[in-house]
Amino acid sequence: DEKGGDEKGDAEGGSEGGEESKKKGDGEGDEKREGEAAERGESADAAAPEGEGGQKDAAADRRSVSLPRQKPMLFDILPEESGKVLGRKGETIQIIERESGTKIDLDKASGRLEIKGIKEAQDKAVQLLLAEVSYMKSAGEEGEVLKDERKLDGGASELPPPVKLWVKDREAGKVIGRGGETVREIMEKSSTDIKVQKAEDMRPGTAEREIKILGTAEQQKEALALILAEVSWAKAVG
């Protein structure tokens, strides 16, 4: 009987020891996962495996942490083509966002596009947007024209030569406006592209700067009137 009691006691002791060892091992495992999660900047919940779904969530968290921040890209399209980019009930722009993995904001009044996402996604969104419009350029006074297929009334896709004029150097700033605000407003109202010569590009000994207006004849005429309203003197080039 004494032997049997000893064996029973040993078994119970072994069981308790095994449970304590298991708890200790689980605790160490939890601490290890928490430590690894802290190093990655994740929560302990994201690091703890909860089946296949938990592993996928943790992987998604790691990807979101590692993605580099990318400055939004800004572009200008013709305001009248904003509807083509948006599509019926916003369907077109939603498709572009989904296929490119970006977030796109569009100001319908000005035609200003803002594309948010990683660089590769932004580039893909640009290509998808170019397929929807006839005209698109990088935002800003010196923005690069990415596409220009605007058509004249007769159906020809070729635009007339740029309208060129000289304005006084000190008044060129009035055409440009603070932060380019005035020239951007003129371009938006007339649907033209306007290039104002930089001060450092002026010819030696001259006191005037050249302005180029690109667009259809009607658009150039409207832009010219808006520019002349900002200056006291102007001279046609050529």
C-alpha atoms as a PDB file:
ATOM      1  CA  ASP A   1       0.000   0.000   0.000  1.00  0.00           C
ATOM      2  CA  GLU A   2       2.813   2.385   0.861  1.00  0.00           C
ATOM      3  CA  LYS A   3       4.433   1.641  -2.485  1.00  0.00           C
ATOM      4  CA  GLY A   4       1.201   2.244  -4.321  1.00  0.00           C
ATOM      5  CA  GLY A   5       0.715   5.540  -2.495  1.00  0.00           C
ATOM      6  CA  ASP A   6       4.228   6.645  -3.392  1.00  0.00           C
ATOM      7  CA  GLU A   7       3.673   5.815  -7.055  1.00  0.00           C
ATOM      8  CA  LYS A   8       0.409   7.739  -7.066  1.00  0.00           C
ATOM      9  CA  GLY A   9       2.084  10.724  -5.428  1.00  0.00           C
ATOM     10  CA  ASP A  10       4.910  10.643  -7.959  1.00  0.00           C
ATOM     11  CA  ALA A  11       2.428  10.534 -10.817  1.00  0.00           C
ATOM     12  CA  GLU A  12       0.490  13.481  -9.451  1.00  0.00           C
ATOM     13  CA  GLY A  13       3.687  15.390  -8.837  1.00  0.00           C
ATOM     14  CA  GLY A  14       4.865  14.615 -12.354  1.00  0.00           C
ATOM     15  CA  SER A  15       1.560  15.779 -13.773  1.00  0.00           C
ATOM     16  CA  GLU A  16       1.715  19.049 -11.826  1.00  0.00           C
ATOM     17  CA  GLY A  17       5.323  19.553 -12.854  1.00  0.00           C
ATOM     18  CA  GLY A  18       4.450  18.888 -16.477  1.00  0.00           C
ATOM     19  CA  GLU A  19       1.600  21.426 -16.342  1.00  0.00           C
ATOM     20  CA  GLU A  20       3.844  24.034 -14.754  1.00  0.00           C
ATOM     21  CA  SER A  21       6.481  23.366 -17.388  1.00  0.00           C
ATOM     22  CA  LYS A  22       3.851  23.708 -20.147  1.00  0.00           C
ATOM     23  CA  LYS A  23       2.565  26.997 -18.696  1.00  0.00           C
ATOM     24  CA  LYS A  24       6.111  28.275 -18.403  1.00  0.00           C
ATOM     25  CA  GLY A  25       6.792  27.288 -22.016  1.00  0.00           C
ATOM     26  CA  ASP A  26       3.585  29.000 -23.195  1.00  0.00           C
ATOM     27  CA  GLY A  27       4.485  32.101 -21.236  1.00  0.00           C
ATOM     28  CA  GLU A  28       7.959  32.191 -22.744  1.00  0.00           C
ATOM     29  CA  GLY A  29       6.423  31.743 -26.195  1.00  0.00           C
ATOM     30  CA  ASP A  30       4.056  34.676 -25.587  1.00  0.00           C
ATOM     31  CA  GLU A  31       6.921  36.844 -24.347  1.00  0.00           C
ATOM     32  CA  LYS A  32       8.996  35.926 -27.386  1.00  0.00           C
ATOM     33  CA  ARG A  33       6.155  36.856 -29.768  1.00  0.00           C
ATOM     34  CA  GLU A  34       5.583  40.132 -27.939  1.00  0.00           C
ATOM     35  CA  GLY A  35       9.292  40.949 -28.131  1.00  0.00           C
ATOM     36  CA  GLU A  36       9.416  40.210 -31.869  1.00  0.00           C
ATOM     37  CA  ALA A  37       6.248  42.249 -32.409  1.00  0.00           C
ATOM     38  CA  ALA A  38       7.742  45.213 -30.522  1.00  0.00           C
ATOM     39  CA  GLU A  39      10.823  45.118 -32.752  1.00  0.00           C
ATOM     40  CA  ARG A  40       8.593  45.271 -35.834  1.00  0.00           C
ATOM     41  CA  GLY A  41       6.376  47.983 -34.359  1.00  0.00           C
ATOM     42  CA  GLU A  42       3.321  45.655 -34.290  1.00  0.00           C
ATOM     43  CA  SER A  43       0.896  44.800 -31.537  1.00  0.00           C
ATOM     44  CA  ALA A  44       1.165  41.444 -29.780  1.00  0.00           C
ATOM     45  CA  ASP A  45      -2.255  40.491 -31.186  1.00  0.00           C
ATOM     46  CA  ALA A  46      -1.020  40.955 -34.760  1.00  0.00           C
ATOM     47  CA  ALA A  47       2.052  38.827 -34.033  1.00  0.00           C
ATOM     48  CA  ALA A  48       0.169  35.976 -32.349  1.00  0.00           C
ATOM     49  CA  PRO A  49      -0.904  33.309 -34.840  1.00  0.00           C
ATOM     50  CA  GLU A  50      -4.648  32.762 -34.873  1.00  0.00           C
ATOM     51  CA  GLY A  51      -4.948  30.235 -37.626  1.00  0.00           C
ATOM     52  CA  GLU A  52      -4.531  31.121 -41.267  1.00  0.00           C
ATOM     53  CA  GLY A  53      -6.559  34.346 -40.952  1.00  0.00           C
ATOM     54  CA  GLY A  54      -4.381  35.613 -38.096  1.00  0.00           C
ATOM     55  CA  GLN A  55      -1.219  34.946 -40.101  1.00  0.00           C
ATOM     56  CA  LYS A  56      -2.614  36.835 -43.109  1.00  0.00           C
ATOM     57  CA  ASP A  57      -3.595  39.812 -40.909  1.00  0.00           C
ATOM     58  CA  ALA A  58      -0.106  39.923 -39.391  1.00  0.00           C
ATOM     59  CA  ALA A  59       1.464  39.788 -42.858  1.00  0.00           C
ATOM     60  CA  ALA A  60      -0.780  42.633 -44.027  1.00  0.00           C
ATOM     61  CA  ASP A  61       0.271  44.706 -41.005  1.00  0.00           C
ATOM     62  CA  ARG A  62       3.939  44.125 -41.825  1.00  0.00           C
ATOM     63  CA  ARG A  63       3.386  45.210 -45.442  1.00  0.00           C
ATOM     64  CA  SER A  64       1.611  48.398 -44.384  1.00  0.00           C
ATOM     65  CA  VAL A  65       4.457  49.277 -42.032  1.00  0.00           C
ATOM     66  CA  SER A  66       7.111  48.741 -44.701  1.00  0.00           C
ATOM     67  CA  LEU A  67       5.429  50.713 -47.532  1.00  0.00           C
ATOM     68  CA  PRO A  68       7.294  54.001 -48.192  1.00  0.00           C
ATOM     69  CA  ARG A  69       5.378  57.272 -48.103  1.00  0.00           C
ATOM     70  CA  GLN A  70       5.040  58.771 -51.585  1.00  0.00           C
ATOM     71  CA  LYS A  71       4.211  62.381 -52.327  1.00  0.00           C
ATOM     72  CA  PRO A  72       0.863  62.732 -54.180  1.00  0.00           C
ATOM     73  CA  MET A  73       1.116  63.381 -57.933  1.00  0.00           C
ATOM     74  CA  LEU A  74      -0.767  66.408 -59.289  1.00  0.00           C
ATOM     75  CA  PHE A  75      -2.065  66.748 -62.855  1.00  0.00           C
ATOM     76  CA  ASP A  76      -4.394  69.011 -64.812  1.00  0.00           C
ATOM     77  CA  ILE A  77      -7.017  67.872 -67.319  1.00  0.00           C
ATOM     78  CA  LEU A  78      -9.653  69.865 -69.180  1.00  0.00           C
ATOM     79  CA  PRO A  79     -12.470  70.687 -66.716  1.00  0.00           C
ATOM     80  CA  GLU A  80     -15.023  69.682 -69.349  1.00  0.00           C
ATOM     81  CA  GLU A  81     -13.514  66.175 -69.395  1.00  0.00           C
ATOM     82  CA  SER A  82     -13.912  65.648 -65.650  1.00  0.00           C
ATOM     83  CA  GLY A  83     -17.117  63.731 -66.334  1.00  0.00           C
ATOM     84  CA  LYS A  84     -15.245  61.226 -68.532  1.00  0.00           C
ATOM     85  CA  VAL A  85     -12.799  60.498 -65.719  1.00  0.00           C
ATOM     86  CA  LEU A  86     -15.523  60.179 -63.095  1.00  0.00           C
ATOM     87  CA  GLY A  87     -17.857  58.078 -65.230  1.00  0.00           C
ATOM     88  CA  ARG A  88     -21.483  57.298 -64.469  1.00  0.00           C
ATOM     89  CA  LYS A  89     -21.995  57.515 -60.701  1.00  0.00           C
ATOM     90  CA  GLY A  90     -18.202  57.574 -60.285  1.00  0.00           C
ATOM     91  CA  GLU A  91     -17.748  54.115 -61.821  1.00  0.00           C
ATOM     92  CA  THR A  92     -14.782  54.971 -64.086  1.00  0.00           C
ATOM     93  CA  ILE A  93     -12.612  56.601 -61.431  1.00  0.00           C
ATOM     94  CA  GLN A  94     -13.415  53.755 -59.008  1.00  0.00           C
ATOM     95  CA  ILE A  95     -12.239  51.205 -61.586  1.00  0.00           C
ATOM     96  CA  ILE A  96      -9.009  53.158 -62.133  1.00  0.00           C
ATOM     97  CA  GLU A  97      -8.418  53.328 -58.368  1.00  0.00           C
ATOM     98  CA  ARG A  98      -9.069  49.599 -57.986  1.00  0.00           C
ATOM     99  CA  GLU A  99      -6.875  48.517 -60.912  1.00  0.00           C
ATOM    100  CA  SER A 100      -3.981  50.786 -59.959  1.00  0.00           C
ATOM    101  CA  GLY A 101      -4.228  50.532 -56.185  1.00  0.00           C
ATOM    102  CA  THR A 102      -4.373  54.318 -55.737  1.00  0.00           C
ATOM    103  CA  LYS A 103      -6.683  56.963 -54.264  1.00  0.00           C
ATOM    104  CA  ILE A 104      -7.638  59.697 -56.747  1.00  0.00           C
ATOM    105  CA  ASP A 105      -9.209  63.079 -55.949  1.00  0.00           C
ATOM    106  CA  LEU A 106     -10.615  65.213 -58.777  1.00  0.00           C
ATOM    107  CA  ASP A 107     -11.672  68.863 -58.631  1.00  0.00           C
ATOM    108  CA  LYS A 108     -14.317  69.001 -61.365  1.00  0.00           C
ATOM    109  CA  ALA A 109     -14.274  72.810 -61.565  1.00  0.00           C
ATOM    110  CA  SER A 110     -10.543  73.132 -62.256  1.00  0.00           C
ATOM    111  CA  GLY A 111      -9.682  69.682 -63.646  1.00  0.00           C
ATOM    112  CA  ARG A 112      -6.986  69.193 -60.991  1.00  0.00           C
ATOM    113  CA  LEU A 113      -6.168  65.535 -60.251  1.00  0.00           C
ATOM    114  CA  GLU A 114      -4.391  64.294 -57.131  1.00  0.00           C
ATOM    115  CA  ILE A 115      -3.121  60.697 -57.169  1.00  0.00           C
ATOM    116  CA  LYS A 116      -2.078  59.051 -53.890  1.00  0.00           C
ATOM    117  CA  GLY A 117      -0.245  55.741 -53.580  1.00  0.00           C
ATOM    118  CA  ILE A 118       3.144  54.150 -54.070  1.00  0.00           C
ATOM    119  CA  LYS A 119       5.155  55.203 -57.137  1.00  0.00           C
ATOM    120  CA  GLU A 120       4.377  52.114 -59.238  1.00  0.00           C
ATOM    121  CA  ALA A 121       0.658  52.447 -58.512  1.00  0.00           C
ATOM    122  CA  GLN A 122       0.680  56.169 -59.349  1.00  0.00           C
ATOM    123  CA  ASP A 123       2.374  55.501 -62.691  1.00  0.00           C
ATOM    124  CA  LYS A 124      -0.240  52.883 -63.560  1.00  0.00           C
ATOM    125  CA  ALA A 125      -3.052  55.272 -62.643  1.00  0.00           C
ATOM    126  CA  VAL A 126      -1.562  57.922 -64.943  1.00  0.00           C
ATOM    127  CA  GLN A 127      -1.619  55.503 -67.889  1.00  0.00           C
ATOM    128  CA  LEU A 128      -5.240  54.567 -67.181  1.00  0.00           C
ATOM    129  CA  LEU A 129      -6.234  58.233 -66.915  1.00  0.00           C
ATOM    130  CA  LEU A 130      -4.472  59.145 -70.162  1.00  0.00           C
ATOM    131  CA  ALA A 131      -6.725  56.652 -71.947  1.00  0.00           C
ATOM    132  CA  GLU A 132      -9.798  58.596 -70.795  1.00  0.00           C
ATOM    133  CA  VAL A 133      -8.867  62.191 -71.725  1.00  0.00           C
ATOM    134  CA  SER A 134      -7.684  64.186 -74.718  1.00  0.00           C
ATOM    135  CA  TYR A 135      -5.422  66.494 -72.687  1.00  0.00           C
ATOM    136  CA  MET A 136      -3.368  66.020 -69.525  1.00  0.00           C
ATOM    137  CA  LYS A 137      -0.315  67.758 -68.071  1.00  0.00           C
ATOM    138  CA  SER A 138       1.687  67.802 -64.860  1.00  0.00           C
ATOM    139  CA  ALA A 139       0.437  70.527 -62.530  1.00  0.00           C
ATOM    140  CA  GLY A 140       2.302  73.809 -62.363  1.00  0.00           C
ATOM    141  CA  GLU A 141       3.381  76.575 -64.681  1.00  0.00           C
ATOM    142  CA  GLU A 142       6.180  74.490 -66.213  1.00  0.00           C
ATOM    143  CA  GLY A 143       4.271  71.208 -66.056  1.00  0.00           C
ATOM    144  CA  GLU A 144       5.012  68.654 -68.765  1.00  0.00           C
ATOM    145  CA  VAL A 145       2.213  68.016 -71.277  1.00  0.00           C
ATOM    146  CA  LEU A 146       1.624  64.258 -71.232  1.00  0.00           C
ATOM    147  CA  LYS A 147      -1.114  64.213 -73.862  1.00  0.00           C
ATOM    148  CA  ASP A 148      -2.718  66.786 -76.145  1.00  0.00           C
ATOM    149  CA  GLU A 149      -5.261  65.538 -78.654  1.00  0.00           C
ATOM    150  CA  ARG A 150      -7.694  68.422 -78.410  1.00  0.00           C
ATOM    151  CA  LYS A 151      -9.611  68.873 -81.644  1.00  0.00           C
ATOM    152  CA  LEU A 152     -10.557  71.939 -83.578  1.00  0.00           C
ATOM    153  CA  ASP A 153     -14.109  72.527 -84.762  1.00  0.00           C
ATOM    154  CA  GLY A 154     -13.286  71.060 -88.171  1.00  0.00           C
ATOM    155  CA  GLY A 155     -12.222  67.773 -86.599  1.00  0.00           C
ATOM    156  CA  ALA A 156      -8.460  68.188 -87.172  1.00  0.00           C
ATOM    157  CA  SER A 157      -6.315  67.191 -84.232  1.00  0.00           C
ATOM    158  CA  GLU A 158      -3.511  69.639 -85.047  1.00  0.00           C
ATOM    159  CA  LEU A 159      -3.457  72.856 -83.014  1.00  0.00           C
ATOM    160  CA  PRO A 160      -2.453  76.260 -84.382  1.00  0.00           C
ATOM    161  CA  PRO A 161       1.001  77.679 -83.536  1.00  0.00           C
ATOM    162  CA  PRO A 162       1.385  79.144 -80.033  1.00  0.00           C
ATOM    163  CA  VAL A 163       0.394  82.787 -79.581  1.00  0.00           C
ATOM    164  CA  LYS A 164       3.472  84.695 -78.383  1.00  0.00           C
ATOM    165  CA  LEU A 165       3.639  88.087 -76.737  1.00  0.00           C
ATOM    166  CA  TRP A 166       6.029  90.216 -74.717  1.00  0.00           C
ATOM    167  CA  VAL A 167       5.145  91.790 -71.377  1.00  0.00           C
ATOM    168  CA  LYS A 168       7.251  93.965 -69.101  1.00  0.00           C
ATOM    169  CA  ASP A 169       9.485  91.971 -66.775  1.00  0.00           C
ATOM    170  CA  ARG A 170       8.071  93.670 -63.684  1.00  0.00           C
ATOM    171  CA  GLU A 171       4.521  92.812 -64.791  1.00  0.00           C
ATOM    172  CA  ALA A 172       5.197  89.165 -65.639  1.00  0.00           C
ATOM    173  CA  GLY A 173       4.805  88.455 -61.948  1.00  0.00           C
ATOM    174  CA  LYS A 174       1.246  89.789 -62.084  1.00  0.00           C
ATOM    175  CA  VAL A 175       0.435  87.292 -64.835  1.00  0.00           C
ATOM    176  CA  ILE A 176       1.945  84.454 -62.816  1.00  0.00           C
ATOM    177  CA  GLY A 177       0.395  85.490 -59.505  1.00  0.00           C
ATOM    178  CA  ARG A 178       1.291  84.370 -56.013  1.00  0.00           C
ATOM    179  CA  GLY A 179       2.414  80.767 -56.177  1.00  0.00           C
ATOM    180  CA  GLY A 180       1.291  80.618 -59.826  1.00  0.00           C
ATOM    181  CA  GLU A 181      -2.342  81.198 -58.821  1.00  0.00           C
ATOM    182  CA  THR A 182      -3.215  83.765 -61.515  1.00  0.00           C
ATOM    183  CA  VAL A 183      -1.741  81.947 -64.517  1.00  0.00           C
ATOM    184  CA  ARG A 184      -3.299  78.696 -63.308  1.00  0.00           C
ATOM    185  CA  GLU A 185      -6.703  80.388 -63.128  1.00  0.00           C
ATOM    186  CA  ILE A 186      -6.252  81.777 -66.660  1.00  0.00           C
ATOM    187  CA  MET A 187      -5.336  78.319 -67.969  1.00  0.00           C
ATOM    188  CA  GLU A 188      -8.355  76.775 -66.264  1.00  0.00           C
ATOM    189  CA  LYS A 189     -10.782  79.390 -67.576  1.00  0.00           C
ATOM    190  CA  SER A 190      -9.482  79.243 -71.152  1.00  0.00           C
ATOM    191  CA  SER A 191      -8.453  75.534 -71.249  1.00  0.00           C
ATOM    192  CA  THR A 192      -5.024  76.560 -72.575  1.00  0.00           C
ATOM    193  CA  ASP A 193      -1.442  75.839 -71.604  1.00  0.00           C
ATOM    194  CA  ILE A 194       0.577  78.985 -70.841  1.00  0.00           C
ATOM    195  CA  LYS A 195       4.360  79.294 -70.546  1.00  0.00           C
ATOM    196  CA  VAL A 196       5.855  82.419 -68.968  1.00  0.00           C
ATOM    197  CA  GLN A 197       9.561  82.941 -69.601  1.00  0.00           C
ATOM    198  CA  LYS A 198      11.674  82.767 -66.457  1.00  0.00           C
ATOM    199  CA  ALA A 199      13.632  85.865 -65.432  1.00  0.00           C
ATOM    200  CA  GLU A 200      16.937  83.991 -65.719  1.00  0.00           C
ATOM    201  CA  ASP A 201      16.115  83.059 -69.330  1.00  0.00           C
ATOM    202  CA  MET A 202      15.668  86.664 -70.468  1.00  0.00           C
ATOM    203  CA  ARG A 203      17.973  87.936 -73.196  1.00  0.00           C
ATOM    204  CA  PRO A 204      20.707  90.300 -71.947  1.00  0.00           C
ATOM    205  CA  GLY A 205      19.711  93.931 -72.166  1.00  0.00           C
ATOM    206  CA  THR A 206      15.977  93.277 -72.481  1.00  0.00           C
ATOM    207  CA  ALA A 207      13.250  94.317 -70.050  1.00  0.00           C
ATOM    208  CA  GLU A 208      10.500  92.067 -71.367  1.00  0.00           C
ATOM    209  CA  ARG A 209       9.523  88.456 -70.890  1.00  0.00           C
ATOM    210  CA  GLU A 210       7.887  86.179 -73.458  1.00  0.00           C
ATOM    211  CA  ILE A 211       4.568  84.454 -72.874  1.00  0.00           C
ATOM    212  CA  LYS A 212       3.370  81.519 -75.007  1.00  0.00           C
ATOM    213  CA  ILE A 213      -0.276  80.452 -75.221  1.00  0.00           C
ATOM    214  CA  LEU A 214      -1.060  76.940 -76.510  1.00  0.00           C
ATOM    215  CA  GLY A 215      -4.555  75.792 -77.435  1.00  0.00           C
ATOM    216  CA  THR A 216      -7.202  76.191 -80.105  1.00  0.00           C
ATOM    217  CA  ALA A 217      -7.628  79.592 -81.751  1.00  0.00           C
ATOM    218  CA  GLU A 218     -10.702  80.316 -79.630  1.00  0.00           C
ATOM    219  CA  GLN A 219      -8.955  79.227 -76.447  1.00  0.00           C
ATOM    220  CA  GLN A 220      -5.892  81.328 -77.261  1.00  0.00           C
ATOM    221  CA  LYS A 221      -8.101  84.364 -77.865  1.00  0.00           C
ATOM    222  CA  GLU A 222      -9.784  83.952 -74.473  1.00  0.00           C
ATOM    223  CA  ALA A 223      -6.459  83.454 -72.660  1.00  0.00           C
ATOM    224  CA  LEU A 224      -4.944  86.502 -74.385  1.00  0.00           C
ATOM    225  CA  ALA A 225      -7.801  88.700 -73.177  1.00  0.00           C
ATOM    226  CA  LEU A 226      -7.330  87.461 -69.619  1.00  0.00           C
ATOM    227  CA  ILE A 227      -3.573  88.120 -69.738  1.00  0.00           C
ATOM    228  CA  LEU A 228      -4.012  91.623 -71.158  1.00  0.00           C
ATOM    229  CA  ALA A 229      -6.332  92.434 -68.259  1.00  0.00           C
ATOM    230  CA  GLU A 230      -3.391  91.839 -65.879  1.00  0.00           C
ATOM    231  CA  VAL A 231      -0.787  94.092 -67.566  1.00  0.00           C
ATOM    232  CA  SER A 232      -0.423  97.705 -68.711  1.00  0.00           C
ATOM    233  CA  TRP A 233       1.722  96.904 -71.764  1.00  0.00           C
ATOM    234  CA  ALA A 234       2.098  93.985 -74.154  1.00  0.00           C
ATOM    235  CA  LYS A 235       3.555  93.417 -77.612  1.00  0.00           C
ATOM    236  CA  ALA A 236       2.887  90.643 -80.091  1.00  0.00           C
ATOM    237  CA  VAL A 237       5.857  88.469 -81.090  1.00  0.00           C
ATOM    238  CA  GLY A 238       6.491  87.850 -84.806  1.00  0.00           C
END
